[in-house]
């Protein structure tokens, strides 16, 4: 699991790429789970939380960009 502070240092493009990568990894882990090949089922939970962190940081940056809130 990555910390939100790491995501906050990323640019918007890097965040989009990170989200895409995490979603692909989540898809692969779910596929492995269905086929019974998954080594660490808890990894799914960690990836889901990382995706949520990325989305939260993206939303924070969007609000700052619009001037709706201060950071």
N, C-alpha and C. Protein backbone atom coordinates (compact mmCIF):
# COMPACT_ATOMS: atom_id res chain seq x y z
N UNK A 1 0.83 -1.17 0.00
CA UNK A 1 0.00 0.00 0.00
C UNK A 1 0.88 1.24 0.00
N UNK A 2 0.46 2.20 -0.77
CA UNK A 2 1.21 3.45 -0.85
C UNK A 2 0.52 4.50 0.01
N UNK A 3 1.29 5.43 0.46
CA UNK A 3 0.76 6.52 1.29
C UNK A 3 0.19 7.61 0.40
N UNK A 4 -0.78 8.33 0.92
CA UNK A 4 -1.40 9.42 0.17
C UNK A 4 -0.40 10.54 -0.11
N UNK A 5 0.59 10.70 0.77
CA UNK A 5 1.59 11.76 0.55
C UNK A 5 2.38 11.50 -0.72
N UNK A 6 2.62 10.23 -1.03
CA UNK A 6 3.33 9.90 -2.27
C UNK A 6 2.49 10.31 -3.48
N UNK A 7 1.19 10.07 -3.39
CA UNK A 7 0.31 10.44 -4.50
C UNK A 7 0.19 11.96 -4.63
N UNK A 8 0.26 12.67 -3.53
CA UNK A 8 0.12 14.13 -3.58
C UNK A 8 1.30 14.80 -4.29
N UNK A 9 2.44 14.13 -4.35
CA UNK A 9 3.60 14.70 -5.02
C UNK A 9 3.56 14.46 -6.53
N UNK A 10 2.63 13.64 -6.99
CA UNK A 10 2.53 13.31 -8.41
C UNK A 10 1.77 14.39 -9.18
N UNK A 11 2.05 14.47 -10.47
CA UNK A 11 1.30 15.37 -11.34
C UNK A 11 -0.02 14.70 -11.70
N UNK A 12 -0.91 15.46 -12.33
CA UNK A 12 -2.20 14.92 -12.73
C UNK A 12 -2.04 13.78 -13.73
N UNK A 13 -1.10 13.93 -14.64
CA UNK A 13 -0.87 12.87 -15.63
C UNK A 13 -0.33 11.60 -14.96
N UNK A 14 0.56 11.77 -14.02
CA UNK A 14 1.09 10.60 -13.29
C UNK A 14 -0.01 9.92 -12.49
N UNK A 15 -0.92 10.71 -11.92
CA UNK A 15 -2.04 10.13 -11.18
C UNK A 15 -2.95 9.33 -12.10
N UNK A 16 -3.21 9.87 -13.28
CA UNK A 16 -4.05 9.13 -14.25
C UNK A 16 -3.39 7.81 -14.63
N UNK A 17 -2.09 7.85 -14.85
CA UNK A 17 -1.36 6.63 -15.22
C UNK A 17 -1.36 5.63 -14.06
N UNK A 18 -1.16 6.12 -12.86
CA UNK A 18 -1.16 5.26 -11.68
C UNK A 18 -2.53 4.60 -11.50
N UNK A 19 -3.59 5.36 -11.69
CA UNK A 19 -4.95 4.81 -11.59
C UNK A 19 -5.16 3.71 -12.64
N UNK A 20 -4.73 3.96 -13.85
CA UNK A 20 -4.87 2.97 -14.92
C UNK A 20 -4.10 1.70 -14.57
N UNK A 21 -2.88 1.86 -14.09
CA UNK A 21 -2.05 0.71 -13.72
C UNK A 21 -2.69 -0.09 -12.59
N UNK A 22 -3.20 0.62 -11.58
CA UNK A 22 -3.83 -0.06 -10.45
C UNK A 22 -5.09 -0.80 -10.87
N UNK A 23 -5.88 -0.19 -11.75
CA UNK A 23 -7.10 -0.85 -12.21
C UNK A 23 -6.78 -2.11 -13.03
N UNK A 24 -5.71 -2.06 -13.82
CA UNK A 24 -5.29 -3.25 -14.57
C UNK A 24 -4.84 -4.35 -13.62
N UNK A 25 -4.08 -3.95 -12.59
CA UNK A 25 -3.62 -4.93 -11.62
C UNK A 25 -4.79 -5.55 -10.86
N UNK A 26 -5.77 -4.72 -10.51
CA UNK A 26 -6.96 -5.23 -9.82
C UNK A 26 -7.71 -6.23 -10.70
N UNK A 27 -7.84 -5.92 -11.98
CA UNK A 27 -8.49 -6.84 -12.92
C UNK A 27 -7.75 -8.17 -12.94
N UNK A 28 -6.43 -8.11 -13.04
CA UNK A 28 -5.63 -9.34 -13.09
C UNK A 28 -5.76 -10.14 -11.79
N UNK A 29 -5.78 -9.45 -10.66
CA UNK A 29 -5.92 -10.15 -9.39
C UNK A 29 -7.30 -10.81 -9.26
N UNK A 30 -8.32 -10.13 -9.72
CA UNK A 30 -9.67 -10.73 -9.68
C UNK A 30 -9.73 -11.94 -10.59
N UNK A 31 -9.08 -11.86 -11.71
CA UNK A 31 -9.04 -13.00 -12.64
C UNK A 31 -8.33 -14.18 -11.98
N UNK A 32 -7.21 -13.89 -11.31
CA UNK A 32 -6.48 -14.94 -10.62
C UNK A 32 -7.31 -15.54 -9.48
N UNK A 33 -8.10 -14.70 -8.82
CA UNK A 33 -8.94 -15.19 -7.73
C UNK A 33 -9.99 -16.17 -8.25
N UNK A 34 -10.58 -15.84 -9.37
CA UNK A 34 -11.61 -16.70 -9.94
C UNK A 34 -11.03 -18.04 -10.38
N UNK A 35 -9.82 -18.00 -10.93
CA UNK A 35 -9.21 -19.23 -11.42
C UNK A 35 -8.46 -19.98 -10.31
N UNK A 36 -8.42 -19.41 -9.10
CA UNK A 36 -7.78 -20.07 -7.97
C UNK A 36 -6.28 -19.98 -7.96
N UNK A 37 -5.70 -19.08 -8.72
CA UNK A 37 -4.24 -18.95 -8.82
C UNK A 37 -3.66 -17.84 -7.95
N UNK A 38 -4.51 -17.12 -7.23
CA UNK A 38 -4.03 -15.95 -6.49
C UNK A 38 -3.17 -16.39 -5.30
N UNK A 39 -2.03 -15.72 -5.11
CA UNK A 39 -1.11 -16.05 -4.03
C UNK A 39 -1.47 -15.30 -2.75
N UNK A 40 -1.84 -14.03 -2.89
CA UNK A 40 -2.14 -13.20 -1.73
C UNK A 40 -3.48 -12.49 -1.95
N UNK A 41 -4.58 -13.06 -1.46
CA UNK A 41 -5.89 -12.45 -1.67
C UNK A 41 -6.04 -11.06 -1.04
N UNK A 42 -5.25 -10.76 -0.01
CA UNK A 42 -5.33 -9.44 0.61
C UNK A 42 -4.82 -8.34 -0.31
N UNK A 43 -4.07 -8.72 -1.32
CA UNK A 43 -3.54 -7.73 -2.28
C UNK A 43 -4.68 -7.00 -2.96
N UNK A 44 -5.81 -7.68 -3.17
CA UNK A 44 -6.97 -7.03 -3.79
C UNK A 44 -7.43 -5.86 -2.94
N UNK A 45 -7.50 -6.05 -1.64
CA UNK A 45 -7.93 -4.99 -0.74
C UNK A 45 -6.96 -3.80 -0.79
N UNK A 46 -5.67 -4.10 -0.81
CA UNK A 46 -4.67 -3.03 -0.86
C UNK A 46 -4.77 -2.23 -2.16
N UNK A 47 -4.98 -2.90 -3.25
CA UNK A 47 -5.10 -2.21 -4.54
C UNK A 47 -6.34 -1.33 -4.56
N UNK A 48 -7.46 -1.85 -4.04
CA UNK A 48 -8.69 -1.05 -3.99
C UNK A 48 -8.50 0.22 -3.17
N UNK A 49 -7.80 0.10 -2.05
CA UNK A 49 -7.54 1.27 -1.21
C UNK A 49 -6.61 2.26 -1.90
N UNK A 50 -5.62 1.74 -2.63
CA UNK A 50 -4.73 2.63 -3.38
C UNK A 50 -5.49 3.39 -4.46
N UNK A 51 -6.41 2.70 -5.14
CA UNK A 51 -7.24 3.37 -6.15
C UNK A 51 -8.06 4.49 -5.49
N UNK A 52 -8.63 4.21 -4.33
CA UNK A 52 -9.41 5.23 -3.62
C UNK A 52 -8.53 6.42 -3.24
N UNK A 53 -7.29 6.15 -2.83
CA UNK A 53 -6.38 7.25 -2.49
C UNK A 53 -6.06 8.10 -3.71
N UNK A 54 -5.81 7.44 -4.83
CA UNK A 54 -5.52 8.18 -6.07
C UNK A 54 -6.71 9.07 -6.43
N UNK A 55 -7.91 8.51 -6.38
CA UNK A 55 -9.10 9.29 -6.72
C UNK A 55 -9.31 10.45 -5.76
N UNK A 56 -9.01 10.25 -4.49
CA UNK A 56 -9.15 11.32 -3.50
C UNK A 56 -8.17 12.46 -3.80
N UNK A 57 -6.94 12.11 -4.10
CA UNK A 57 -5.94 13.13 -4.40
C UNK A 57 -6.29 13.86 -5.69
N UNK A 58 -6.77 13.10 -6.70
CA UNK A 58 -7.19 13.75 -7.95
C UNK A 58 -8.31 14.74 -7.68
N UNK A 59 -9.26 14.36 -6.84
CA UNK A 59 -10.38 15.24 -6.51
C UNK A 59 -9.90 16.47 -5.74
N UNK A 60 -8.97 16.29 -4.81
CA UNK A 60 -8.41 17.42 -4.07
C UNK A 60 -7.73 18.40 -5.01
N UNK A 61 -6.93 17.88 -5.92
CA UNK A 61 -6.22 18.75 -6.87
C UNK A 61 -7.21 19.49 -7.77
N UNK A 62 -8.28 18.82 -8.16
CA UNK A 62 -9.30 19.46 -8.99
C UNK A 62 -9.97 20.60 -8.24
N UNK A 63 -10.29 20.38 -6.97
CA UNK A 63 -10.92 21.43 -6.17
C UNK A 63 -9.99 22.62 -5.98
N UNK A 64 -8.72 22.37 -5.76
CA UNK A 64 -7.75 23.46 -5.61
C UNK A 64 -7.64 24.23 -6.92
N UNK A 65 -7.63 23.49 -8.02
CA UNK A 65 -7.52 24.12 -9.34
C UNK A 65 -8.72 25.03 -9.60
N UNK A 66 -9.89 24.60 -9.16
CA UNK A 66 -11.10 25.41 -9.34
C UNK A 66 -11.19 26.56 -8.33
N UNK A 67 -10.41 26.46 -7.27
CA UNK A 67 -10.44 27.51 -6.25
C UNK A 67 -11.52 27.28 -5.22
N UNK A 68 -12.03 26.05 -5.13
CA UNK A 68 -13.11 25.76 -4.20
C UNK A 68 -12.61 25.58 -2.77
N UNK A 69 -11.36 25.18 -2.62
CA UNK A 69 -10.83 24.93 -1.29
C UNK A 69 -9.34 25.21 -1.25
N UNK A 70 -8.81 25.34 -0.06
CA UNK A 70 -7.38 25.56 0.12
C UNK A 70 -6.77 24.29 0.65
N UNK A 71 -5.48 24.10 0.32
CA UNK A 71 -4.76 22.94 0.87
C UNK A 71 -3.66 23.39 1.75
